[in-house]
Amino acid sequence: VMFMQAGFAMVESGCCRAKNVQNILMKNLVDVCIGTMCWWAWGWTLAYGIADGDNHAFANSNQFFGMGFTEVNSDGIFTPSPYMRDWFFQWAF
């Protein structure tokens, strides 16, 4: 589904004059970037946030801004959690 952005860019650039193609492509790129940042910051938590055990099954502060996407071992080594994979998969859709 994410590759549909490229298709939209092709359709939109084909429907305008050549001098406006660069503007259309930049708007599509900015759309993807802002959408990704919003999904990372708030969207994932609103859609799939982890309940904290206090009857808050919706949108806690546990995963805002990607918190909890990595786990730290006792050696200080960061390892990705399965939430990072799930976040990427849902972002693509």
N, C-alpha and C. Protein backbone atom coordinates (compact mmCIF):
# COMPACT_ATOMS: atom_id res chain seq x y z
N VAL A 1 0.83 -1.18 0.00
CA VAL A 1 0.00 0.00 0.00
C VAL A 1 0.88 1.25 0.00
N MET A 2 2.01 1.18 0.65
CA MET A 2 2.89 2.35 0.68
C MET A 2 3.36 2.73 -0.71
N PHE A 3 3.51 1.76 -1.60
CA PHE A 3 3.96 2.05 -2.96
C PHE A 3 2.88 2.76 -3.77
N MET A 4 1.68 2.85 -3.23
CA MET A 4 0.65 3.63 -3.90
C MET A 4 1.01 5.10 -3.94
N GLN A 5 1.82 5.56 -3.00
CA GLN A 5 2.28 6.96 -3.02
C GLN A 5 3.02 7.25 -4.31
N ALA A 6 3.85 6.31 -4.76
CA ALA A 6 4.56 6.50 -6.03
C ALA A 6 3.57 6.56 -7.19
N GLY A 7 2.55 5.75 -7.15
CA GLY A 7 1.53 5.78 -8.19
C GLY A 7 0.77 7.10 -8.21
N PHE A 8 0.44 7.61 -7.02
CA PHE A 8 -0.23 8.90 -6.96
C PHE A 8 0.67 10.00 -7.52
N ALA A 9 1.96 9.91 -7.22
CA ALA A 9 2.90 10.90 -7.74
C ALA A 9 2.93 10.87 -9.27
N MET A 10 2.92 9.67 -9.83
CA MET A 10 2.92 9.55 -11.30
C MET A 10 1.63 10.11 -11.90
N VAL A 11 0.49 9.80 -11.29
CA VAL A 11 -0.78 10.30 -11.81
C VAL A 11 -0.84 11.82 -11.72
N GLU A 12 -0.46 12.34 -10.56
CA GLU A 12 -0.53 13.79 -10.38
C GLU A 12 0.45 14.53 -11.28
N SER A 13 1.65 13.98 -11.44
CA SER A 13 2.62 14.67 -12.30
C SER A 13 2.23 14.54 -13.77
N GLY A 14 1.50 13.51 -14.14
CA GLY A 14 1.04 13.37 -15.51
C GLY A 14 -0.15 14.25 -15.84
N CYS A 15 -0.80 14.75 -14.80
CA CYS A 15 -1.99 15.58 -15.01
C CYS A 15 -1.71 17.07 -14.89
N CYS A 16 -0.45 17.45 -14.81
CA CYS A 16 -0.13 18.87 -14.69
C CYS A 16 0.95 19.24 -15.71
N ARG A 17 1.21 20.50 -15.81
CA ARG A 17 2.24 20.98 -16.73
C ARG A 17 3.61 20.59 -16.21
N ALA A 18 4.57 20.51 -17.12
CA ALA A 18 5.92 20.06 -16.77
C ALA A 18 6.58 20.95 -15.73
N LYS A 19 6.25 22.25 -15.75
CA LYS A 19 6.89 23.15 -14.80
C LYS A 19 6.42 22.91 -13.36
N ASN A 20 5.30 22.20 -13.17
CA ASN A 20 4.74 21.97 -11.84
C ASN A 20 5.05 20.59 -11.28
N VAL A 21 5.73 19.76 -12.04
CA VAL A 21 5.99 18.38 -11.61
C VAL A 21 6.82 18.35 -10.34
N GLN A 22 7.85 19.17 -10.27
CA GLN A 22 8.72 19.18 -9.09
C GLN A 22 7.93 19.55 -7.84
N ASN A 23 7.03 20.50 -7.96
CA ASN A 23 6.20 20.91 -6.83
C ASN A 23 5.30 19.76 -6.38
N ILE A 24 4.70 19.06 -7.31
CA ILE A 24 3.82 17.93 -6.98
C ILE A 24 4.60 16.82 -6.28
N LEU A 25 5.78 16.50 -6.80
CA LEU A 25 6.59 15.44 -6.19
C LEU A 25 7.04 15.82 -4.78
N MET A 26 7.38 17.09 -4.58
CA MET A 26 7.77 17.54 -3.23
C MET A 26 6.59 17.47 -2.27
N LYS A 27 5.41 17.83 -2.74
CA LYS A 27 4.23 17.72 -1.87
C LYS A 27 3.96 16.28 -1.47
N ASN A 28 4.14 15.34 -2.40
CA ASN A 28 3.95 13.93 -2.07
C ASN A 28 5.00 13.45 -1.07
N LEU A 29 6.23 13.89 -1.23
CA LEU A 29 7.29 13.50 -0.30
C LEU A 29 7.03 14.07 1.10
N VAL A 30 6.62 15.31 1.17
CA VAL A 30 6.30 15.93 2.46
C VAL A 30 5.11 15.23 3.11
N ASP A 31 4.13 14.83 2.31
CA ASP A 31 2.98 14.10 2.83
C ASP A 31 3.41 12.80 3.50
N VAL A 32 4.30 12.06 2.86
CA VAL A 32 4.79 10.80 3.43
C VAL A 32 5.59 11.06 4.70
N CYS A 33 6.43 12.07 4.69
CA CYS A 33 7.28 12.36 5.85
C CYS A 33 6.46 12.80 7.06
N ILE A 34 5.51 13.70 6.84
CA ILE A 34 4.68 14.17 7.96
C ILE A 34 3.78 13.04 8.46
N GLY A 35 3.24 12.26 7.55
CA GLY A 35 2.42 11.12 7.96
C GLY A 35 3.20 10.11 8.78
N THR A 36 4.45 9.86 8.39
CA THR A 36 5.30 8.92 9.13
C THR A 36 5.61 9.45 10.52
N MET A 37 5.93 10.73 10.63
CA MET A 37 6.25 11.30 11.94
C MET A 37 5.02 11.29 12.85
N CYS A 38 3.86 11.57 12.32
CA CYS A 38 2.63 11.55 13.13
C CYS A 38 2.29 10.12 13.56
N TRP A 39 2.50 9.17 12.67
CA TRP A 39 2.25 7.76 13.03
C TRP A 39 3.21 7.33 14.12
N TRP A 40 4.48 7.73 14.02
CA TRP A 40 5.48 7.37 15.03
C TRP A 40 5.16 8.03 16.36
N ALA A 41 4.76 9.31 16.34
CA ALA A 41 4.56 10.05 17.57
C ALA A 41 3.27 9.67 18.29
N TRP A 42 2.15 9.62 17.55
CA TRP A 42 0.86 9.43 18.21
C TRP A 42 0.02 8.30 17.64
N GLY A 43 0.09 8.07 16.36
CA GLY A 43 -0.82 7.13 15.72
C GLY A 43 -0.74 5.72 16.24
N TRP A 44 0.48 5.20 16.38
CA TRP A 44 0.64 3.83 16.87
C TRP A 44 0.03 3.68 18.26
N THR A 45 0.28 4.63 19.13
CA THR A 45 -0.23 4.53 20.50
C THR A 45 -1.75 4.61 20.53
N LEU A 46 -2.32 5.47 19.70
CA LEU A 46 -3.78 5.57 19.67
C LEU A 46 -4.41 4.31 19.13
N ALA A 47 -3.76 3.69 18.17
CA ALA A 47 -4.33 2.50 17.55
C ALA A 47 -4.01 1.21 18.30
N TYR A 48 -2.76 1.08 18.77
CA TYR A 48 -2.31 -0.20 19.33
C TYR A 48 -1.62 -0.05 20.68
N GLY A 49 -1.87 1.02 21.40
CA GLY A 49 -1.18 1.25 22.67
C GLY A 49 -1.39 0.13 23.67
N ILE A 50 -0.38 -0.14 24.47
CA ILE A 50 -0.42 -1.22 25.45
C ILE A 50 -1.13 -0.72 26.71
N ALA A 51 -2.03 -1.53 27.23
CA ALA A 51 -2.69 -1.18 28.47
C ALA A 51 -1.70 -1.26 29.62
N ASP A 52 -1.83 -0.33 30.57
CA ASP A 52 -0.89 -0.32 31.68
C ASP A 52 -1.40 -1.05 32.90
N GLY A 53 -2.51 -1.74 32.80
CA GLY A 53 -3.01 -2.54 33.91
C GLY A 53 -4.00 -1.82 34.81
N ASP A 54 -4.23 -0.54 34.57
CA ASP A 54 -5.16 0.23 35.39
C ASP A 54 -6.46 0.52 34.64
N ASN A 55 -6.93 -0.48 33.92
CA ASN A 55 -8.16 -0.35 33.13
C ASN A 55 -8.07 0.74 32.08
N HIS A 56 -6.89 0.98 31.57
CA HIS A 56 -6.70 1.93 30.48
C HIS A 56 -6.32 1.13 29.24
N ALA A 57 -7.30 0.57 28.59
CA ALA A 57 -7.02 -0.26 27.42
C ALA A 57 -6.84 0.56 26.16
N PHE A 58 -6.94 1.87 26.26
CA PHE A 58 -6.86 2.71 25.06
C PHE A 58 -5.83 3.82 25.28
N ALA A 59 -4.87 3.88 24.42
CA ALA A 59 -3.97 5.02 24.26
C ALA A 59 -3.32 5.48 25.55
N ASN A 60 -2.39 4.72 26.04
CA ASN A 60 -1.62 5.14 27.20
C ASN A 60 -0.37 5.87 26.77
N SER A 61 0.43 6.26 27.71
CA SER A 61 1.68 6.95 27.39
C SER A 61 2.84 5.95 27.26
N ASN A 62 2.53 4.66 27.18
CA ASN A 62 3.58 3.66 27.15
C ASN A 62 4.38 3.64 25.86
N GLN A 63 3.78 4.00 24.74
CA GLN A 63 4.49 3.90 23.47
C GLN A 63 4.45 5.18 22.65
N PHE A 64 4.19 6.31 23.25
CA PHE A 64 4.29 7.57 22.52
C PHE A 64 5.72 7.78 22.07
N PHE A 65 5.91 8.28 20.89
CA PHE A 65 7.22 8.59 20.32
C PHE A 65 8.15 7.38 20.31
N GLY A 66 7.61 6.20 20.11
CA GLY A 66 8.42 5.01 19.97
C GLY A 66 9.00 4.46 21.26
N MET A 67 8.55 4.93 22.40
CA MET A 67 9.05 4.39 23.66
C MET A 67 8.64 2.93 23.78
N GLY A 68 9.54 2.08 24.14
CA GLY A 68 9.26 0.66 24.28
C GLY A 68 9.52 -0.12 23.02
N PHE A 69 10.01 0.54 21.96
CA PHE A 69 10.32 -0.17 20.72
C PHE A 69 11.65 -0.89 20.80
N THR A 70 12.46 -0.55 21.76
CA THR A 70 13.74 -1.24 21.96
C THR A 70 13.82 -1.70 23.41
N GLU A 71 14.57 -2.76 23.62
CA GLU A 71 14.79 -3.29 24.96
C GLU A 71 16.28 -3.24 25.25
N VAL A 72 16.63 -2.97 26.49
CA VAL A 72 18.03 -2.86 26.88
C VAL A 72 18.41 -4.07 27.73
N ASN A 73 19.45 -4.76 27.31
CA ASN A 73 19.96 -5.89 28.09
C ASN A 73 20.74 -5.38 29.29
N SER A 74 21.13 -6.28 30.16
CA SER A 74 21.93 -5.89 31.33
C SER A 74 23.31 -5.39 30.91
N ASP A 75 23.75 -5.76 29.70
CA ASP A 75 25.05 -5.29 29.19
C ASP A 75 24.95 -3.91 28.55
N GLY A 76 23.76 -3.36 28.46
CA GLY A 76 23.57 -2.05 27.83
C GLY A 76 23.39 -2.13 26.33
N ILE A 77 23.11 -3.31 25.81
CA ILE A 77 22.92 -3.49 24.37
C ILE A 77 21.43 -3.33 24.05
N PHE A 78 21.14 -2.48 23.08
CA PHE A 78 19.77 -2.27 22.66
C PHE A 78 19.38 -3.32 21.63
N THR A 79 18.23 -3.93 21.83
CA THR A 79 17.70 -4.88 20.85
C THR A 79 16.28 -4.45 20.50
N PRO A 80 15.91 -4.58 19.24
CA PRO A 80 14.55 -4.17 18.86
C PRO A 80 13.51 -5.14 19.41
N SER A 81 12.38 -4.60 19.79
CA SER A 81 11.28 -5.44 20.26
C SER A 81 10.39 -5.77 19.06
N PRO A 82 9.49 -6.72 19.22
CA PRO A 82 8.56 -7.03 18.13
C PRO A 82 7.66 -5.85 17.76
N TYR A 83 7.51 -4.88 18.66
CA TYR A 83 6.67 -3.72 18.37
C TYR A 83 7.25 -2.90 17.23
N MET A 84 8.56 -2.87 17.09
CA MET A 84 9.19 -2.13 16.00
C MET A 84 8.81 -2.73 14.65
N ARG A 85 8.83 -4.03 14.58
CA ARG A 85 8.42 -4.72 13.35
C ARG A 85 6.95 -4.46 13.05
N ASP A 86 6.11 -4.56 14.07
CA ASP A 86 4.69 -4.35 13.89
C ASP A 86 4.39 -2.90 13.50
N TRP A 87 5.14 -1.96 14.10
CA TRP A 87 4.97 -0.56 13.75
C TRP A 87 5.26 -0.35 12.28
N PHE A 88 6.36 -0.90 11.78
CA PHE A 88 6.73 -0.73 10.37
C PHE A 88 5.69 -1.35 9.46
N PHE A 89 5.20 -2.52 9.80
CA PHE A 89 4.20 -3.18 8.98
C PHE A 89 2.93 -2.34 8.91
N GLN A 90 2.46 -1.83 10.05
CA GLN A 90 1.25 -1.03 10.05
C GLN A 90 1.48 0.32 9.38
N TRP A 91 2.69 0.87 9.47
CA TRP A 91 3.00 2.12 8.80
C TRP A 91 2.86 1.97 7.29
N ALA A 92 3.27 0.84 6.77
CA ALA A 92 3.20 0.62 5.32
C ALA A 92 1.76 0.56 4.83
N PHE A 93 0.83 0.28 5.74
CA PHE A 93 -0.57 0.26 5.36
C PHE A 93 -1.28 1.48 5.84
